[in-house]
Amino acid sequence: MAKTLLVSPFYFIFFIFLIFSSTTTPAFGEEYSYVKSVNPKKMKMLREKVSHFKLYWQDVVSGSNATSVTVIEAVDNSSTSFGMVNIFDNSLTIGPNLSSKTVGKAQGLYASTGQEDTSLLMVMSFAFTDGKYNGSTFIVLGRNNINAEVREMPIIGGSGLFRFARGYALASTYNDGATIEYNCYVIHY
């Protein structure tokens, strides 16, 4: 007759744990060998600062020099232009007139996303072409309820001098809707 080996439940569970932990879990560090900690000082990330940009977004939707074009038409019979998508490459100027000095471009798209109210999804990059910020960008992404006097949208990142950027942009219509004043508060290094 065969002898039965009695093992306490504790030792049995411990034995099973050892088997599974040694065969299914990689040694510490192997699973995340593609990630390394970085010293922020070596990346010249010394101190955060907040910058305020007051810019004018020039949206030209008609004529031979249009900077915004509709790529998808609105749904039929929509009073809010629901479904419309525009792509734009608008000038960012330091004054409200189209002839004011251009310091960059706002490039991206807006889509009419409101069925009951006139609201847009804004996806855009503020790309600077002048002075200290030339070649740097920050990204604005958010809901723009165009009937509100002031609309707030988040700034979610950037490049160049705006790496790790975050903040918010306040938009207000300056004139007939073609010029929008943007007050952008950007936290960056």
N, C-alpha and C. Protein backbone atom coordinates (compact mmCIF):
# COMPACT_ATOMS: atom_id res chain seq x y z
N MET A 1 0.83 -1.16 0.00
CA MET A 1 0.00 0.00 0.00
C MET A 1 0.88 1.23 0.00
N ALA A 2 0.46 2.24 -0.76
CA ALA A 2 1.24 3.46 -0.87
C ALA A 2 1.08 4.31 0.36
N LYS A 3 2.16 4.99 0.70
CA LYS A 3 2.12 5.88 1.85
C LYS A 3 1.66 7.26 1.39
N THR A 4 0.88 7.93 2.16
CA THR A 4 0.47 9.30 1.85
C THR A 4 1.35 10.26 2.61
N LEU A 5 1.72 11.29 1.94
CA LEU A 5 2.57 12.31 2.55
C LEU A 5 1.67 13.45 2.99
N LEU A 6 1.68 13.72 4.23
CA LEU A 6 0.86 14.81 4.77
C LEU A 6 1.72 16.07 4.87
N VAL A 7 1.23 17.14 4.25
CA VAL A 7 1.91 18.43 4.29
C VAL A 7 0.92 19.44 4.82
N SER A 8 1.39 20.29 5.71
CA SER A 8 0.46 21.29 6.27
C SER A 8 0.04 22.26 5.17
N PRO A 9 -1.16 22.82 5.27
CA PRO A 9 -1.65 23.76 4.26
C PRO A 9 -0.71 24.96 4.07
N PHE A 10 -0.11 25.41 5.13
CA PHE A 10 0.81 26.55 5.04
C PHE A 10 1.97 26.24 4.11
N TYR A 11 2.62 25.09 4.30
CA TYR A 11 3.75 24.71 3.45
C TYR A 11 3.31 24.46 2.01
N PHE A 12 2.14 23.92 1.84
CA PHE A 12 1.64 23.67 0.49
C PHE A 12 1.44 24.99 -0.27
N ILE A 13 0.80 25.96 0.36
CA ILE A 13 0.56 27.27 -0.26
C ILE A 13 1.88 27.99 -0.52
N PHE A 14 2.80 27.91 0.44
CA PHE A 14 4.11 28.53 0.27
C PHE A 14 4.85 27.91 -0.92
N PHE A 15 4.78 26.58 -1.03
CA PHE A 15 5.43 25.87 -2.14
C PHE A 15 4.84 26.29 -3.49
N ILE A 16 3.53 26.39 -3.58
CA ILE A 16 2.87 26.82 -4.82
C ILE A 16 3.27 28.26 -5.15
N PHE A 17 3.29 29.12 -4.13
CA PHE A 17 3.70 30.50 -4.33
C PHE A 17 5.11 30.58 -4.90
N LEU A 18 6.03 29.82 -4.36
CA LEU A 18 7.40 29.81 -4.86
C LEU A 18 7.48 29.38 -6.31
N ILE A 19 6.74 28.37 -6.67
CA ILE A 19 6.76 27.87 -8.04
C ILE A 19 6.26 28.95 -9.00
N PHE A 20 5.11 29.53 -8.71
CA PHE A 20 4.53 30.51 -9.62
C PHE A 20 5.30 31.83 -9.63
N SER A 21 5.80 32.27 -8.50
CA SER A 21 6.52 33.54 -8.49
C SER A 21 7.85 33.44 -9.21
N SER A 22 8.47 32.32 -9.21
CA SER A 22 9.77 32.19 -9.87
C SER A 22 9.62 31.94 -11.37
N THR A 23 8.49 31.45 -11.81
CA THR A 23 8.35 31.14 -13.24
C THR A 23 7.57 32.18 -14.02
N THR A 24 6.72 32.95 -13.38
CA THR A 24 5.90 33.89 -14.14
C THR A 24 6.31 35.34 -13.96
N THR A 25 7.05 35.66 -12.94
CA THR A 25 7.44 37.04 -12.69
C THR A 25 8.90 37.22 -13.06
N PRO A 26 9.20 38.15 -13.94
CA PRO A 26 10.60 38.38 -14.29
C PRO A 26 11.35 38.98 -13.12
N ALA A 27 12.63 38.85 -13.14
CA ALA A 27 13.46 39.43 -12.09
C ALA A 27 13.23 40.94 -12.08
N PHE A 28 13.37 41.57 -10.94
CA PHE A 28 13.13 43.00 -10.80
C PHE A 28 13.94 43.77 -11.82
N GLY A 29 13.29 44.64 -12.56
CA GLY A 29 13.98 45.48 -13.52
C GLY A 29 13.87 44.97 -14.95
N GLU A 30 13.71 43.69 -15.14
CA GLU A 30 13.64 43.17 -16.50
C GLU A 30 12.37 43.63 -17.20
N GLU A 31 11.27 43.63 -16.48
CA GLU A 31 10.00 43.99 -17.10
C GLU A 31 10.00 45.45 -17.56
N TYR A 32 10.69 46.33 -16.83
CA TYR A 32 10.69 47.75 -17.14
C TYR A 32 12.09 48.25 -17.49
N SER A 33 12.82 47.47 -18.21
CA SER A 33 14.19 47.85 -18.57
C SER A 33 14.23 49.03 -19.55
N TYR A 34 13.11 49.37 -20.15
CA TYR A 34 13.06 50.48 -21.10
C TYR A 34 12.77 51.81 -20.42
N VAL A 35 12.66 51.83 -19.09
CA VAL A 35 12.36 53.05 -18.35
C VAL A 35 13.51 53.37 -17.41
N LYS A 36 13.93 54.63 -17.41
CA LYS A 36 14.97 55.08 -16.50
C LYS A 36 14.53 56.37 -15.85
N SER A 37 14.91 56.59 -14.62
CA SER A 37 14.67 57.86 -13.96
C SER A 37 15.63 58.89 -14.53
N VAL A 38 15.18 60.12 -14.64
CA VAL A 38 15.99 61.20 -15.19
C VAL A 38 16.06 62.32 -14.18
N ASN A 39 17.23 62.89 -14.03
CA ASN A 39 17.41 64.03 -13.15
C ASN A 39 16.91 65.29 -13.88
N PRO A 40 15.88 65.96 -13.36
CA PRO A 40 15.34 67.15 -14.04
C PRO A 40 16.38 68.24 -14.29
N LYS A 41 17.38 68.35 -13.42
CA LYS A 41 18.40 69.38 -13.60
C LYS A 41 19.22 69.13 -14.86
N LYS A 42 19.44 67.87 -15.21
CA LYS A 42 20.18 67.55 -16.43
C LYS A 42 19.39 67.91 -17.68
N MET A 43 18.07 68.03 -17.56
CA MET A 43 17.22 68.43 -18.68
C MET A 43 16.96 69.94 -18.66
N LYS A 44 17.68 70.66 -17.82
CA LYS A 44 17.54 72.11 -17.66
C LYS A 44 16.13 72.50 -17.21
N MET A 45 15.53 71.65 -16.41
CA MET A 45 14.21 71.93 -15.83
C MET A 45 14.44 72.44 -14.41
N LEU A 46 14.88 73.67 -14.30
CA LEU A 46 15.29 74.19 -13.01
C LEU A 46 14.14 74.74 -12.20
N ARG A 47 13.34 75.61 -12.80
CA ARG A 47 12.26 76.25 -12.06
C ARG A 47 11.10 76.53 -12.99
N GLU A 48 9.91 76.22 -12.53
CA GLU A 48 8.72 76.51 -13.33
C GLU A 48 8.43 78.00 -13.29
N LYS A 49 7.85 78.49 -14.40
CA LYS A 49 7.41 79.87 -14.45
C LYS A 49 6.05 79.91 -15.14
N VAL A 50 5.33 80.98 -14.95
CA VAL A 50 4.04 81.18 -15.60
C VAL A 50 4.19 82.36 -16.56
N SER A 51 3.82 82.11 -17.82
CA SER A 51 3.86 83.18 -18.83
C SER A 51 2.44 83.46 -19.31
N HIS A 52 2.15 84.74 -19.51
CA HIS A 52 0.84 85.17 -20.02
C HIS A 52 1.03 85.67 -21.45
N PHE A 53 0.32 85.05 -22.38
CA PHE A 53 0.36 85.46 -23.78
C PHE A 53 -1.00 86.04 -24.14
N LYS A 54 -1.01 87.26 -24.66
CA LYS A 54 -2.24 87.86 -25.18
C LYS A 54 -2.07 87.92 -26.69
N LEU A 55 -2.86 87.10 -27.39
CA LEU A 55 -2.73 86.95 -28.83
C LEU A 55 -4.10 87.07 -29.49
N TYR A 56 -4.07 87.39 -30.77
CA TYR A 56 -5.32 87.47 -31.53
C TYR A 56 -5.27 86.43 -32.64
N TRP A 57 -6.31 85.62 -32.67
CA TRP A 57 -6.47 84.47 -33.58
C TRP A 57 -7.29 84.97 -34.75
N GLN A 58 -6.69 85.00 -35.94
CA GLN A 58 -7.32 85.58 -37.12
C GLN A 58 -7.88 84.46 -38.00
N ASP A 59 -9.19 84.27 -37.99
CA ASP A 59 -9.86 83.20 -38.72
C ASP A 59 -10.48 83.78 -39.99
N VAL A 60 -9.86 83.51 -41.13
CA VAL A 60 -10.36 84.01 -42.42
C VAL A 60 -11.03 82.82 -43.12
N VAL A 61 -12.38 82.87 -43.22
CA VAL A 61 -13.13 81.71 -43.71
C VAL A 61 -13.58 81.83 -45.17
N SER A 62 -13.27 82.94 -45.82
CA SER A 62 -13.69 83.08 -47.22
C SER A 62 -12.66 83.87 -47.99
N GLY A 63 -12.82 83.89 -49.29
CA GLY A 63 -11.92 84.64 -50.16
C GLY A 63 -10.73 83.82 -50.60
N SER A 64 -9.87 84.45 -51.39
CA SER A 64 -8.72 83.74 -51.96
C SER A 64 -7.63 83.48 -50.92
N ASN A 65 -7.65 84.21 -49.80
CA ASN A 65 -6.65 84.02 -48.74
C ASN A 65 -7.25 83.35 -47.51
N ALA A 66 -8.23 82.50 -47.69
CA ALA A 66 -8.88 81.83 -46.55
C ALA A 66 -7.85 81.01 -45.78
N THR A 67 -7.93 81.09 -44.45
CA THR A 67 -7.03 80.32 -43.59
C THR A 67 -7.76 79.21 -42.86
N SER A 68 -9.07 79.10 -43.09
CA SER A 68 -9.90 78.08 -42.46
C SER A 68 -10.86 77.53 -43.52
N VAL A 69 -10.85 76.21 -43.67
CA VAL A 69 -11.72 75.60 -44.68
C VAL A 69 -12.54 74.48 -44.06
N THR A 70 -13.78 74.38 -44.53
CA THR A 70 -14.66 73.30 -44.08
C THR A 70 -14.31 72.04 -44.85
N VAL A 71 -13.98 70.97 -44.12
CA VAL A 71 -13.64 69.70 -44.77
C VAL A 71 -14.77 68.68 -44.66
N ILE A 72 -15.67 68.90 -43.70
CA ILE A 72 -16.87 68.07 -43.57
C ILE A 72 -18.03 69.02 -43.31
N GLU A 73 -19.06 68.93 -44.13
CA GLU A 73 -20.23 69.79 -43.98
C GLU A 73 -21.08 69.36 -42.78
N ALA A 74 -21.87 70.30 -42.29
CA ALA A 74 -22.77 70.03 -41.17
C ALA A 74 -23.90 69.09 -41.59
N VAL A 75 -24.49 68.45 -40.61
CA VAL A 75 -25.65 67.60 -40.83
C VAL A 75 -26.79 68.47 -41.35
N ASP A 76 -27.56 67.96 -42.29
CA ASP A 76 -28.68 68.71 -42.84
C ASP A 76 -29.63 69.15 -41.73
N ASN A 77 -30.17 70.34 -41.87
CA ASN A 77 -31.17 70.90 -40.95
C ASN A 77 -30.66 71.10 -39.53
N SER A 78 -29.37 71.23 -39.33
CA SER A 78 -28.82 71.46 -38.00
C SER A 78 -28.69 72.96 -37.77
N SER A 79 -29.33 73.46 -36.74
CA SER A 79 -29.23 74.88 -36.42
C SER A 79 -27.90 75.23 -35.76
N THR A 80 -27.18 74.23 -35.30
CA THR A 80 -25.90 74.45 -34.62
C THR A 80 -24.70 74.05 -35.47
N SER A 81 -24.92 73.71 -36.73
CA SER A 81 -23.87 73.23 -37.64
C SER A 81 -23.24 71.94 -37.14
N PHE A 82 -24.03 71.14 -36.43
CA PHE A 82 -23.54 69.88 -35.86
C PHE A 82 -22.90 69.00 -36.94
N GLY A 83 -21.70 68.52 -36.65
CA GLY A 83 -20.99 67.64 -37.56
C GLY A 83 -19.98 68.33 -38.47
N MET A 84 -20.02 69.65 -38.53
CA MET A 84 -19.08 70.38 -39.38
C MET A 84 -17.67 70.30 -38.81
N VAL A 85 -16.69 70.12 -39.69
CA VAL A 85 -15.28 70.10 -39.28
C VAL A 85 -14.51 71.08 -40.16
N ASN A 86 -13.76 71.98 -39.54
CA ASN A 86 -12.91 72.94 -40.24
C ASN A 86 -11.45 72.69 -39.86
N ILE A 87 -10.59 72.81 -40.86
CA ILE A 87 -9.14 72.77 -40.65
C ILE A 87 -8.65 74.21 -40.83
N PHE A 88 -7.70 74.63 -39.97
CA PHE A 88 -7.25 76.02 -40.07
C PHE A 88 -5.74 76.15 -39.90
N ASP A 89 -5.25 77.23 -40.45
CA ASP A 89 -3.86 77.66 -40.33
C ASP A 89 -3.91 79.18 -40.15
N ASN A 90 -4.34 79.60 -38.97
CA ASN A 90 -4.62 81.02 -38.71
C ASN A 90 -3.42 81.75 -38.15
N SER A 91 -3.31 83.02 -38.49
CA SER A 91 -2.25 83.86 -37.93
C SER A 91 -2.55 84.18 -36.48
N LEU A 92 -1.49 84.23 -35.67
CA LEU A 92 -1.55 84.73 -34.30
C LEU A 92 -0.85 86.08 -34.32
N THR A 93 -1.60 87.13 -34.00
CA THR A 93 -1.06 88.48 -34.07
C THR A 93 -1.05 89.12 -32.69
N ILE A 94 -0.25 90.19 -32.54
CA ILE A 94 -0.18 90.86 -31.24
C ILE A 94 -1.25 91.92 -31.07
N GLY A 95 -1.95 92.24 -32.15
CA GLY A 95 -3.05 93.20 -32.10
C GLY A 95 -4.27 92.61 -32.78
N PRO A 96 -5.42 93.25 -32.62
CA PRO A 96 -6.65 92.69 -33.17
C PRO A 96 -6.80 92.82 -34.68
N ASN A 97 -6.04 93.69 -35.31
CA ASN A 97 -6.15 93.86 -36.77
C ASN A 97 -5.33 92.80 -37.49
N LEU A 98 -5.86 92.35 -38.62
CA LEU A 98 -5.16 91.34 -39.43
C LEU A 98 -3.78 91.83 -39.87
N SER A 99 -3.61 93.16 -39.94
CA SER A 99 -2.32 93.73 -40.35
C SER A 99 -1.33 93.85 -39.19
N SER A 100 -1.74 93.48 -37.97
CA SER A 100 -0.83 93.53 -36.82
C SER A 100 0.30 92.53 -37.00
N LYS A 101 1.36 92.72 -36.25
CA LYS A 101 2.53 91.84 -36.35
C LYS A 101 2.13 90.39 -36.04
N THR A 102 2.52 89.48 -36.93
CA THR A 102 2.27 88.05 -36.73
C THR A 102 3.43 87.45 -35.96
N VAL A 103 3.12 86.73 -34.87
CA VAL A 103 4.16 86.10 -34.05
C VAL A 103 4.07 84.57 -34.10
N GLY A 104 3.09 84.05 -34.81
CA GLY A 104 2.96 82.60 -34.91
C GLY A 104 1.72 82.19 -35.66
N LYS A 105 1.46 80.91 -35.61
CA LYS A 105 0.30 80.32 -36.29
C LYS A 105 -0.48 79.47 -35.29
N ALA A 106 -1.79 79.49 -35.44
CA ALA A 106 -2.65 78.54 -34.74
C ALA A 106 -3.07 77.54 -35.79
N GLN A 107 -2.64 76.31 -35.63
CA GLN A 107 -2.92 75.28 -36.63
C GLN A 107 -3.67 74.13 -35.97
N GLY A 108 -4.73 73.66 -36.63
CA GLY A 108 -5.49 72.56 -36.07
C GLY A 108 -6.85 72.43 -36.72
N LEU A 109 -7.82 72.05 -35.88
CA LEU A 109 -9.17 71.87 -36.38
C LEU A 109 -10.18 72.22 -35.30
N TYR A 110 -11.36 72.56 -35.76
CA TYR A 110 -12.49 72.67 -34.83
C TYR A 110 -13.66 71.94 -35.46
N ALA A 111 -14.38 71.25 -34.59
CA ALA A 111 -15.54 70.46 -35.02
C ALA A 111 -16.74 70.90 -34.21
N SER A 112 -17.86 71.07 -34.90
CA SER A 112 -19.09 71.45 -34.22
C SER A 112 -19.67 70.21 -33.56
N THR A 113 -19.65 70.17 -32.24
CA THR A 113 -20.04 68.97 -31.49
C THR A 113 -21.34 69.12 -30.73
N GLY A 114 -21.93 70.29 -30.72
CA GLY A 114 -23.17 70.49 -29.97
C GLY A 114 -24.40 70.31 -30.85
N GLN A 115 -25.31 69.46 -30.41
CA GLN A 115 -26.57 69.30 -31.15
C GLN A 115 -27.59 70.34 -30.71
N GLU A 116 -27.51 70.78 -29.44
CA GLU A 116 -28.49 71.72 -28.92
C GLU A 116 -27.90 73.10 -28.68
N ASP A 117 -26.58 73.18 -28.53
CA ASP A 117 -25.92 74.48 -28.38
C ASP A 117 -24.76 74.54 -29.36
N THR A 118 -24.34 75.75 -29.67
CA THR A 118 -23.26 75.92 -30.63
C THR A 118 -21.93 75.82 -29.89
N SER A 119 -21.38 74.63 -29.86
CA SER A 119 -20.09 74.42 -29.20
C SER A 119 -19.16 73.67 -30.14
N LEU A 120 -17.89 73.95 -29.98
CA LEU A 120 -16.87 73.37 -30.84
C LEU A 120 -15.88 72.57 -30.00
N LEU A 121 -15.33 71.54 -30.58
CA LEU A 121 -14.16 70.88 -30.02
C LEU A 121 -12.96 71.51 -30.72
N MET A 122 -12.09 72.16 -29.95
CA MET A 122 -10.90 72.82 -30.49
C MET A 122 -9.69 71.94 -30.25
N VAL A 123 -8.94 71.69 -31.32
CA VAL A 123 -7.69 70.94 -31.25
C VAL A 123 -6.68 71.78 -32.02
N MET A 124 -5.77 72.45 -31.30
CA MET A 124 -4.86 73.35 -32.02
C MET A 124 -3.52 73.50 -31.32
N SER A 125 -2.57 73.80 -32.16
CA SER A 125 -1.21 74.07 -31.73
C SER A 125 -0.92 75.54 -31.97
N PHE A 126 -0.46 76.22 -30.95
CA PHE A 126 0.02 77.60 -31.11
C PHE A 126 1.52 77.49 -31.39
N ALA A 127 1.90 77.68 -32.63
CA ALA A 127 3.29 77.53 -33.08
C ALA A 127 3.90 78.91 -33.27
N PHE A 128 4.92 79.22 -32.50
CA PHE A 128 5.51 80.55 -32.54
C PHE A 128 6.62 80.64 -33.59
N THR A 129 6.68 81.79 -34.26
CA THR A 129 7.64 82.02 -35.34
C THR A 129 8.47 83.27 -35.10
N ASP A 130 8.39 83.83 -33.90
CA ASP A 130 9.04 85.11 -33.65
C ASP A 130 9.79 85.09 -32.32
N GLY A 131 10.94 85.73 -32.31
CA GLY A 131 11.68 86.00 -31.09
C GLY A 131 12.10 84.77 -30.30
N LYS A 132 12.14 84.93 -29.01
CA LYS A 132 12.60 83.90 -28.07
C LYS A 132 11.85 82.58 -28.23
N TYR A 133 10.57 82.63 -28.56
CA TYR A 133 9.73 81.43 -28.62
C TYR A 133 9.68 80.80 -30.02
N ASN A 134 10.44 81.34 -30.97
CA ASN A 134 10.45 80.81 -32.34
C ASN A 134 10.74 79.31 -32.32
N GLY A 135 9.85 78.52 -32.93
CA GLY A 135 10.01 77.07 -32.99
C GLY A 135 9.35 76.33 -31.84
N SER A 136 8.85 77.03 -30.86
CA SER A 136 8.18 76.40 -29.72
C SER A 136 6.67 76.39 -29.92
N THR A 137 6.00 75.41 -29.33
CA THR A 137 4.55 75.30 -29.46
C THR A 137 3.92 74.93 -28.13
N PHE A 138 2.65 75.29 -27.97
CA PHE A 138 1.84 74.68 -26.92
C PHE A 138 0.49 74.30 -27.51
N ILE A 139 -0.14 73.33 -26.88
CA ILE A 139 -1.34 72.70 -27.42
C ILE A 139 -2.57 73.08 -26.60
N VAL A 140 -3.61 73.52 -27.29
CA VAL A 140 -4.90 73.83 -26.67
C VAL A 140 -5.89 72.78 -27.16
N LEU A 141 -6.58 72.16 -26.21
CA LEU A 141 -7.55 71.11 -26.55
C LEU A 141 -8.73 71.23 -25.61
N GLY A 142 -9.93 71.45 -26.16
CA GLY A 142 -11.07 71.54 -25.26
C GLY A 142 -12.33 72.03 -25.95
N ARG A 143 -13.37 72.17 -25.12
CA ARG A 143 -14.69 72.60 -25.57
C ARG A 143 -14.75 74.12 -25.62
N ASN A 144 -15.30 74.64 -26.70
CA ASN A 144 -15.43 76.07 -26.91
C ASN A 144 -16.90 76.37 -27.17
N ASN A 145 -17.61 76.83 -26.14
CA ASN A 145 -19.01 77.23 -26.28
C ASN A 145 -19.02 78.65 -26.84
N ILE A 146 -19.17 78.76 -28.15
CA ILE A 146 -18.95 80.06 -28.80
C ILE A 146 -19.96 81.13 -28.43
N ASN A 147 -21.07 80.77 -27.79
CA ASN A 147 -22.05 81.77 -27.35
C ASN A 147 -21.67 82.39 -26.01
N ALA A 148 -20.74 81.80 -25.30
CA ALA A 148 -20.31 82.35 -24.01
C ALA A 148 -19.39 83.54 -24.27
N GLU A 149 -19.43 84.51 -23.39
CA GLU A 149 -18.59 85.70 -23.54
C GLU A 149 -17.11 85.33 -23.45
N VAL A 150 -16.76 84.49 -22.47
CA VAL A 150 -15.38 84.02 -22.29
C VAL A 150 -15.42 82.50 -22.20
N ARG A 151 -14.56 81.86 -22.97
CA ARG A 151 -14.49 80.40 -22.97
C ARG A 151 -13.12 79.97 -22.45
N GLU A 152 -13.10 78.94 -21.61
CA GLU A 152 -11.85 78.45 -21.05
C GLU A 152 -11.54 77.07 -21.61
N MET A 153 -10.29 76.89 -22.06
CA MET A 153 -9.84 75.61 -22.60
C MET A 153 -8.48 75.28 -21.99
N PRO A 154 -8.20 74.01 -21.77
CA PRO A 154 -6.91 73.64 -21.18
C PRO A 154 -5.76 73.66 -22.18
N ILE A 155 -4.59 73.96 -21.66
CA ILE A 155 -3.33 73.79 -22.39
C ILE A 155 -2.74 72.50 -21.87
N ILE A 156 -2.48 71.56 -22.77
CA ILE A 156 -2.14 70.21 -22.32
C ILE A 156 -0.72 69.75 -22.63
N GLY A 157 0.10 70.60 -23.18
CA GLY A 157 1.48 70.20 -23.46
C GLY A 157 2.13 71.17 -24.42
N GLY A 158 3.34 70.81 -24.83
CA GLY A 158 4.04 71.67 -25.76
C GLY A 158 5.38 71.11 -26.16
N SER A 159 6.12 71.93 -26.91
CA SER A 159 7.46 71.54 -27.36
C SER A 159 8.38 72.74 -27.26
N GLY A 160 9.68 72.50 -27.43
CA GLY A 160 10.65 73.58 -27.34
C GLY A 160 10.66 74.18 -25.95
N LEU A 161 10.50 75.49 -25.85
CA LEU A 161 10.49 76.14 -24.54
C LEU A 161 9.23 75.81 -23.73
N PHE A 162 8.27 75.12 -24.35
CA PHE A 162 7.04 74.75 -23.66
C PHE A 162 6.96 73.25 -23.36
N ARG A 163 8.09 72.56 -23.30
CA ARG A 163 8.05 71.16 -22.91
C ARG A 163 7.43 71.06 -21.52
N PHE A 164 6.61 70.07 -21.32
CA PHE A 164 5.91 69.84 -20.05
C PHE A 164 4.93 70.98 -19.72
N ALA A 165 4.50 71.73 -20.73
CA ALA A 165 3.60 72.86 -20.49
C ALA A 165 2.23 72.39 -20.02
N ARG A 166 1.60 73.23 -19.23
CA ARG A 166 0.21 73.04 -18.82
C ARG A 166 -0.33 74.43 -18.47
N GLY A 167 -1.65 74.54 -18.50
CA GLY A 167 -2.25 75.83 -18.19
C GLY A 167 -3.64 75.92 -18.77
N TYR A 168 -4.04 77.15 -19.09
CA TYR A 168 -5.36 77.34 -19.66
C TYR A 168 -5.37 78.56 -20.58
N ALA A 169 -6.32 78.54 -21.50
CA ALA A 169 -6.50 79.64 -22.44
C ALA A 169 -7.92 80.18 -22.29
N LEU A 170 -8.04 81.49 -22.26
CA LEU A 170 -9.34 82.15 -22.23
C LEU A 170 -9.56 82.81 -23.58
N ALA A 171 -10.65 82.44 -24.23
CA ALA A 171 -10.96 82.98 -25.56
C ALA A 171 -12.18 83.87 -25.46
N SER A 172 -12.12 85.01 -26.14
CA SER A 172 -13.29 85.89 -26.22
C SER A 172 -13.33 86.49 -27.63
N THR A 173 -14.53 86.59 -28.14
CA THR A 173 -14.71 87.10 -29.50
C THR A 173 -14.43 88.59 -29.50
N TYR A 174 -13.54 89.01 -30.41
CA TYR A 174 -13.17 90.42 -30.46
C TYR A 174 -14.12 91.22 -31.34
N ASN A 175 -14.45 90.71 -32.52
CA ASN A 175 -15.35 91.46 -33.40
C ASN A 175 -16.42 90.53 -33.96
N ASP A 176 -16.51 90.39 -35.25
CA ASP A 176 -17.59 89.63 -35.89
C ASP A 176 -17.39 88.12 -35.83
N GLY A 177 -16.47 87.65 -35.04
CA GLY A 177 -16.23 86.22 -34.94
C GLY A 177 -14.99 85.78 -35.69
N ALA A 178 -14.45 86.65 -36.54
CA ALA A 178 -13.25 86.29 -37.30
C ALA A 178 -11.98 86.51 -36.48
N THR A 179 -12.06 87.36 -35.47
CA THR A 179 -10.91 87.63 -34.61
C THR A 179 -11.27 87.24 -33.19
N ILE A 180 -10.45 86.36 -32.62
CA ILE A 180 -10.67 85.89 -31.25
C ILE A 180 -9.46 86.31 -30.42
N GLU A 181 -9.72 86.93 -29.27
CA GLU A 181 -8.64 87.28 -28.35
C GLU A 181 -8.38 86.08 -27.45
N TYR A 182 -7.13 85.64 -27.40
CA TYR A 182 -6.72 84.53 -26.53
C TYR A 182 -5.78 85.06 -25.46
N ASN A 183 -6.15 84.84 -24.19
CA ASN A 183 -5.27 85.08 -23.07
C ASN A 183 -4.86 83.70 -22.55
N CYS A 184 -3.60 83.37 -22.77
CA CYS A 184 -3.09 82.03 -22.44
C CYS A 184 -2.13 82.14 -21.25
N TYR A 185 -2.39 81.33 -20.23
CA TYR A 185 -1.54 81.29 -19.05
C TYR A 185 -0.86 79.92 -19.05
N VAL A 186 0.46 79.94 -19.29
CA VAL A 186 1.21 78.72 -19.53
C VAL A 186 2.24 78.52 -18.43
N ILE A 187 2.18 77.37 -17.76
CA ILE A 187 3.22 76.99 -16.80
C ILE A 187 4.23 76.15 -17.56
N HIS A 188 5.49 76.57 -17.53
CA HIS A 188 6.55 75.86 -18.27
C HIS A 188 7.88 76.11 -17.59
N TYR A 189 8.93 75.50 -18.10
CA TYR A 189 10.27 75.65 -17.52
C TYR A 189 11.07 76.66 -18.29
